[in-house]
Amino acid sequence: MAIVPKSGLKVVQGEESLSTYQFNTKVASHCFCSICGIYTHHQRRSNPNEYGYNVGCLEGVNPFDLEPVRVSDGANHPLDRIA
C-alpha cells in the first residue's frame, strides 16, 4: 500500500464500478471494485486527508518488484492476535 495525499489520487478508469464501505465511525471510506471485489484504496481514518492505495492496482507496477513487500491475504489483519 502507498500513502498519498487526498489531492494526489485520481481514478482515471472504472470509477463507475467502485463500491464504498464504511465501518463503525464512518471516517474511513474503503473502496472496492464491484465487479471483481479487489480493494483499490481507502480514505484513512488516522488522517482523512490521505489515501492508502493498493499499488497492485496501478498499471505497470508489480508490487513484488518493490522492496520490502508486505503481503496481506485479505483475511488476516496484521494486528490480529491468535489467542
N, C-alpha and C. Protein backbone atom coordinates (compact mmCIF):
# COMPACT_ATOMS: atom_id res chain seq x y z
N MET A 1 0.84 -1.16 0.00
CA MET A 1 0.00 0.00 0.00
C MET A 1 0.88 1.23 0.00
N ALA A 2 0.49 2.20 -0.79
CA ALA A 2 1.15 3.50 -0.82
C ALA A 2 0.25 4.51 -0.13
N ILE A 3 0.84 5.45 0.57
CA ILE A 3 0.08 6.53 1.20
C ILE A 3 0.26 7.77 0.34
N VAL A 4 -0.85 8.37 -0.07
CA VAL A 4 -0.80 9.56 -0.91
C VAL A 4 -1.74 10.63 -0.34
N PRO A 5 -1.43 11.91 -0.55
CA PRO A 5 -2.35 12.95 -0.11
C PRO A 5 -3.67 12.82 -0.86
N LYS A 6 -4.74 13.24 -0.22
CA LYS A 6 -6.07 13.14 -0.82
C LYS A 6 -6.09 13.76 -2.22
N SER A 7 -5.37 14.85 -2.40
CA SER A 7 -5.33 15.52 -3.70
C SER A 7 -4.45 14.78 -4.71
N GLY A 8 -3.71 13.76 -4.24
CA GLY A 8 -2.78 13.05 -5.12
C GLY A 8 -3.34 11.80 -5.76
N LEU A 9 -4.63 11.52 -5.57
CA LEU A 9 -5.23 10.32 -6.14
C LEU A 9 -6.34 10.71 -7.10
N LYS A 10 -6.23 10.21 -8.31
CA LYS A 10 -7.27 10.46 -9.30
C LYS A 10 -7.58 9.14 -9.99
N VAL A 11 -8.82 8.70 -9.89
CA VAL A 11 -9.25 7.48 -10.58
C VAL A 11 -9.47 7.85 -12.03
N VAL A 12 -8.74 7.21 -12.94
CA VAL A 12 -8.82 7.57 -14.35
C VAL A 12 -9.65 6.59 -15.17
N GLN A 13 -9.98 5.45 -14.57
CA GLN A 13 -10.78 4.46 -15.30
C GLN A 13 -11.51 3.58 -14.30
N GLY A 14 -12.78 3.27 -14.57
CA GLY A 14 -13.53 2.33 -13.77
C GLY A 14 -14.20 2.89 -12.54
N GLU A 15 -14.24 4.20 -12.39
CA GLU A 15 -14.83 4.80 -11.19
C GLU A 15 -16.29 4.37 -11.00
N GLU A 16 -17.00 4.15 -12.10
CA GLU A 16 -18.41 3.74 -12.02
C GLU A 16 -18.56 2.34 -11.42
N SER A 17 -17.49 1.58 -11.37
CA SER A 17 -17.54 0.22 -10.83
C SER A 17 -17.10 0.14 -9.37
N LEU A 18 -16.71 1.27 -8.79
CA LEU A 18 -16.26 1.26 -7.39
C LEU A 18 -17.44 1.27 -6.43
N SER A 19 -17.33 0.48 -5.39
CA SER A 19 -18.28 0.47 -4.29
C SER A 19 -17.53 0.90 -3.03
N THR A 20 -18.21 1.60 -2.14
CA THR A 20 -17.58 2.11 -0.92
C THR A 20 -18.20 1.45 0.29
N TYR A 21 -17.34 1.09 1.24
CA TYR A 21 -17.80 0.53 2.51
C TYR A 21 -17.21 1.38 3.63
N GLN A 22 -18.03 1.66 4.64
CA GLN A 22 -17.56 2.40 5.80
C GLN A 22 -17.86 1.60 7.07
N PHE A 23 -16.85 1.51 7.95
CA PHE A 23 -17.00 0.82 9.20
C PHE A 23 -17.57 1.76 10.26
N ASN A 24 -17.67 1.30 11.43
CA ASN A 24 -18.19 1.93 12.64
C ASN A 24 -18.26 3.46 12.64
N THR A 25 -17.14 4.15 12.68
CA THR A 25 -17.14 5.61 12.81
C THR A 25 -17.45 6.32 11.50
N LYS A 26 -17.37 5.61 10.41
CA LYS A 26 -17.61 6.14 9.06
C LYS A 26 -16.66 7.27 8.68
N VAL A 27 -15.50 7.32 9.33
CA VAL A 27 -14.49 8.30 8.96
C VAL A 27 -13.72 7.79 7.75
N ALA A 28 -13.32 6.54 7.79
CA ALA A 28 -12.60 5.94 6.67
C ALA A 28 -13.60 5.41 5.65
N SER A 29 -13.24 5.55 4.38
CA SER A 29 -14.06 5.01 3.29
C SER A 29 -13.20 4.02 2.52
N HIS A 30 -13.63 2.77 2.44
CA HIS A 30 -12.88 1.71 1.78
C HIS A 30 -13.52 1.43 0.43
N CYS A 31 -12.75 1.51 -0.63
CA CYS A 31 -13.27 1.33 -1.99
C CYS A 31 -12.85 -0.01 -2.56
N PHE A 32 -13.81 -0.67 -3.20
CA PHE A 32 -13.62 -1.98 -3.80
C PHE A 32 -14.21 -1.96 -5.20
N CYS A 33 -13.70 -2.80 -6.07
CA CYS A 33 -14.31 -2.98 -7.39
C CYS A 33 -15.56 -3.83 -7.22
N SER A 34 -16.70 -3.34 -7.69
CA SER A 34 -17.97 -4.07 -7.54
C SER A 34 -18.05 -5.25 -8.50
N ILE A 35 -17.12 -5.35 -9.43
CA ILE A 35 -17.12 -6.48 -10.38
C ILE A 35 -16.24 -7.62 -9.88
N CYS A 36 -14.99 -7.32 -9.53
CA CYS A 36 -14.07 -8.40 -9.13
C CYS A 36 -13.82 -8.45 -7.63
N GLY A 37 -14.14 -7.37 -6.89
CA GLY A 37 -14.00 -7.37 -5.44
C GLY A 37 -12.66 -6.91 -4.91
N ILE A 38 -11.71 -6.55 -5.78
CA ILE A 38 -10.40 -6.14 -5.29
C ILE A 38 -10.50 -4.82 -4.53
N TYR A 39 -9.75 -4.73 -3.42
CA TYR A 39 -9.64 -3.48 -2.67
C TYR A 39 -8.74 -2.56 -3.47
N THR A 40 -9.18 -1.34 -3.74
CA THR A 40 -8.37 -0.40 -4.51
C THR A 40 -7.71 0.65 -3.62
N HIS A 41 -8.51 1.30 -2.76
CA HIS A 41 -7.96 2.36 -1.92
C HIS A 41 -8.92 2.68 -0.79
N HIS A 42 -8.42 3.47 0.16
CA HIS A 42 -9.28 3.92 1.24
C HIS A 42 -8.84 5.29 1.73
N GLN A 43 -9.81 6.05 2.20
CA GLN A 43 -9.51 7.30 2.88
C GLN A 43 -9.16 6.90 4.31
N ARG A 44 -8.02 7.33 4.79
CA ARG A 44 -7.51 6.86 6.07
C ARG A 44 -8.26 7.46 7.25
N ARG A 45 -8.53 6.64 8.26
CA ARG A 45 -9.16 7.11 9.49
C ARG A 45 -8.16 7.93 10.30
N SER A 46 -6.89 7.49 10.33
CA SER A 46 -5.87 8.19 11.12
C SER A 46 -5.54 9.56 10.54
N ASN A 47 -5.74 9.73 9.25
CA ASN A 47 -5.54 11.03 8.60
C ASN A 47 -6.47 11.10 7.40
N PRO A 48 -7.67 11.64 7.56
CA PRO A 48 -8.64 11.69 6.48
C PRO A 48 -8.20 12.50 5.26
N ASN A 49 -7.07 13.21 5.36
CA ASN A 49 -6.54 13.95 4.22
C ASN A 49 -5.60 13.10 3.38
N GLU A 50 -5.51 11.81 3.70
CA GLU A 50 -4.65 10.89 2.96
C GLU A 50 -5.45 9.67 2.49
N TYR A 51 -4.95 9.07 1.43
CA TYR A 51 -5.48 7.79 0.95
C TYR A 51 -4.40 6.72 1.07
N GLY A 52 -4.83 5.52 1.40
CA GLY A 52 -3.97 4.35 1.27
C GLY A 52 -4.37 3.71 -0.05
N TYR A 53 -3.41 3.40 -0.89
CA TYR A 53 -3.70 2.89 -2.23
C TYR A 53 -3.02 1.55 -2.46
N ASN A 54 -3.76 0.60 -2.99
CA ASN A 54 -3.25 -0.72 -3.33
C ASN A 54 -2.39 -0.59 -4.58
N VAL A 55 -1.07 -0.65 -4.42
CA VAL A 55 -0.17 -0.46 -5.56
C VAL A 55 -0.33 -1.56 -6.61
N GLY A 56 -0.93 -2.68 -6.23
CA GLY A 56 -1.20 -3.74 -7.20
C GLY A 56 -2.25 -3.33 -8.22
N CYS A 57 -2.95 -2.23 -7.97
CA CYS A 57 -3.96 -1.73 -8.90
C CYS A 57 -3.40 -0.70 -9.88
N LEU A 58 -2.13 -0.37 -9.73
CA LEU A 58 -1.53 0.61 -10.63
C LEU A 58 -1.00 -0.08 -11.87
N GLU A 59 -1.42 0.38 -13.01
CA GLU A 59 -0.97 -0.20 -14.27
C GLU A 59 0.54 -0.04 -14.40
N GLY A 60 1.21 -1.12 -14.74
CA GLY A 60 2.65 -1.09 -14.94
C GLY A 60 3.47 -1.25 -13.67
N VAL A 61 2.81 -1.43 -12.52
CA VAL A 61 3.54 -1.59 -11.26
C VAL A 61 3.35 -3.01 -10.76
N ASN A 62 4.45 -3.71 -10.54
CA ASN A 62 4.42 -5.04 -9.95
C ASN A 62 4.88 -4.89 -8.51
N PRO A 63 3.97 -5.06 -7.52
CA PRO A 63 4.36 -4.83 -6.13
C PRO A 63 5.48 -5.74 -5.66
N PHE A 64 5.68 -6.87 -6.32
CA PHE A 64 6.75 -7.78 -5.92
C PHE A 64 8.13 -7.29 -6.39
N ASP A 65 8.15 -6.26 -7.26
CA ASP A 65 9.40 -5.64 -7.65
C ASP A 65 9.84 -4.59 -6.64
N LEU A 66 8.97 -4.24 -5.70
CA LEU A 66 9.28 -3.25 -4.68
C LEU A 66 9.79 -3.96 -3.43
N GLU A 67 10.73 -3.36 -2.76
CA GLU A 67 11.28 -3.96 -1.53
C GLU A 67 11.09 -3.02 -0.37
N PRO A 68 10.84 -3.47 0.82
CA PRO A 68 10.33 -4.80 1.11
C PRO A 68 8.83 -4.86 0.81
N VAL A 69 8.35 -6.04 0.52
CA VAL A 69 6.94 -6.22 0.20
C VAL A 69 6.25 -6.93 1.35
N ARG A 70 5.25 -6.28 1.93
CA ARG A 70 4.40 -6.94 2.92
C ARG A 70 3.17 -7.41 2.19
N VAL A 71 2.85 -8.67 2.31
CA VAL A 71 1.71 -9.24 1.61
C VAL A 71 0.61 -9.54 2.61
N SER A 72 -0.62 -9.16 2.25
CA SER A 72 -1.78 -9.45 3.08
C SER A 72 -2.69 -10.37 2.29
N ASP A 73 -3.18 -11.41 2.95
CA ASP A 73 -4.05 -12.36 2.25
C ASP A 73 -5.50 -11.91 2.23
N GLY A 74 -5.81 -10.77 2.83
CA GLY A 74 -7.17 -10.24 2.81
C GLY A 74 -8.07 -10.81 3.89
N ALA A 75 -7.65 -11.87 4.55
CA ALA A 75 -8.47 -12.48 5.59
C ALA A 75 -7.90 -12.23 6.98
N ASN A 76 -6.59 -12.11 7.08
CA ASN A 76 -5.94 -11.98 8.38
C ASN A 76 -5.27 -10.61 8.48
N HIS A 77 -5.80 -9.76 9.33
CA HIS A 77 -5.23 -8.43 9.52
C HIS A 77 -3.93 -8.55 10.31
N PRO A 78 -2.90 -7.77 9.95
CA PRO A 78 -1.61 -7.86 10.64
C PRO A 78 -1.71 -7.62 12.15
N LEU A 79 -2.74 -6.91 12.61
CA LEU A 79 -2.86 -6.63 14.04
C LEU A 79 -3.68 -7.67 14.78
N ASP A 80 -4.26 -8.64 14.06
CA ASP A 80 -4.99 -9.71 14.72
C ASP A 80 -4.03 -10.55 15.53
N ARG A 81 -4.49 -11.00 16.66
CA ARG A 81 -3.67 -11.85 17.53
C ARG A 81 -4.38 -13.18 17.73
N ILE A 82 -3.62 -14.23 17.66
CA ILE A 82 -4.18 -15.56 17.93
C ILE A 82 -4.09 -15.81 19.43
N ALA A 83 -5.22 -16.11 20.01
CA ALA A 83 -5.24 -16.32 21.48
C ALA A 83 -4.77 -17.70 21.83
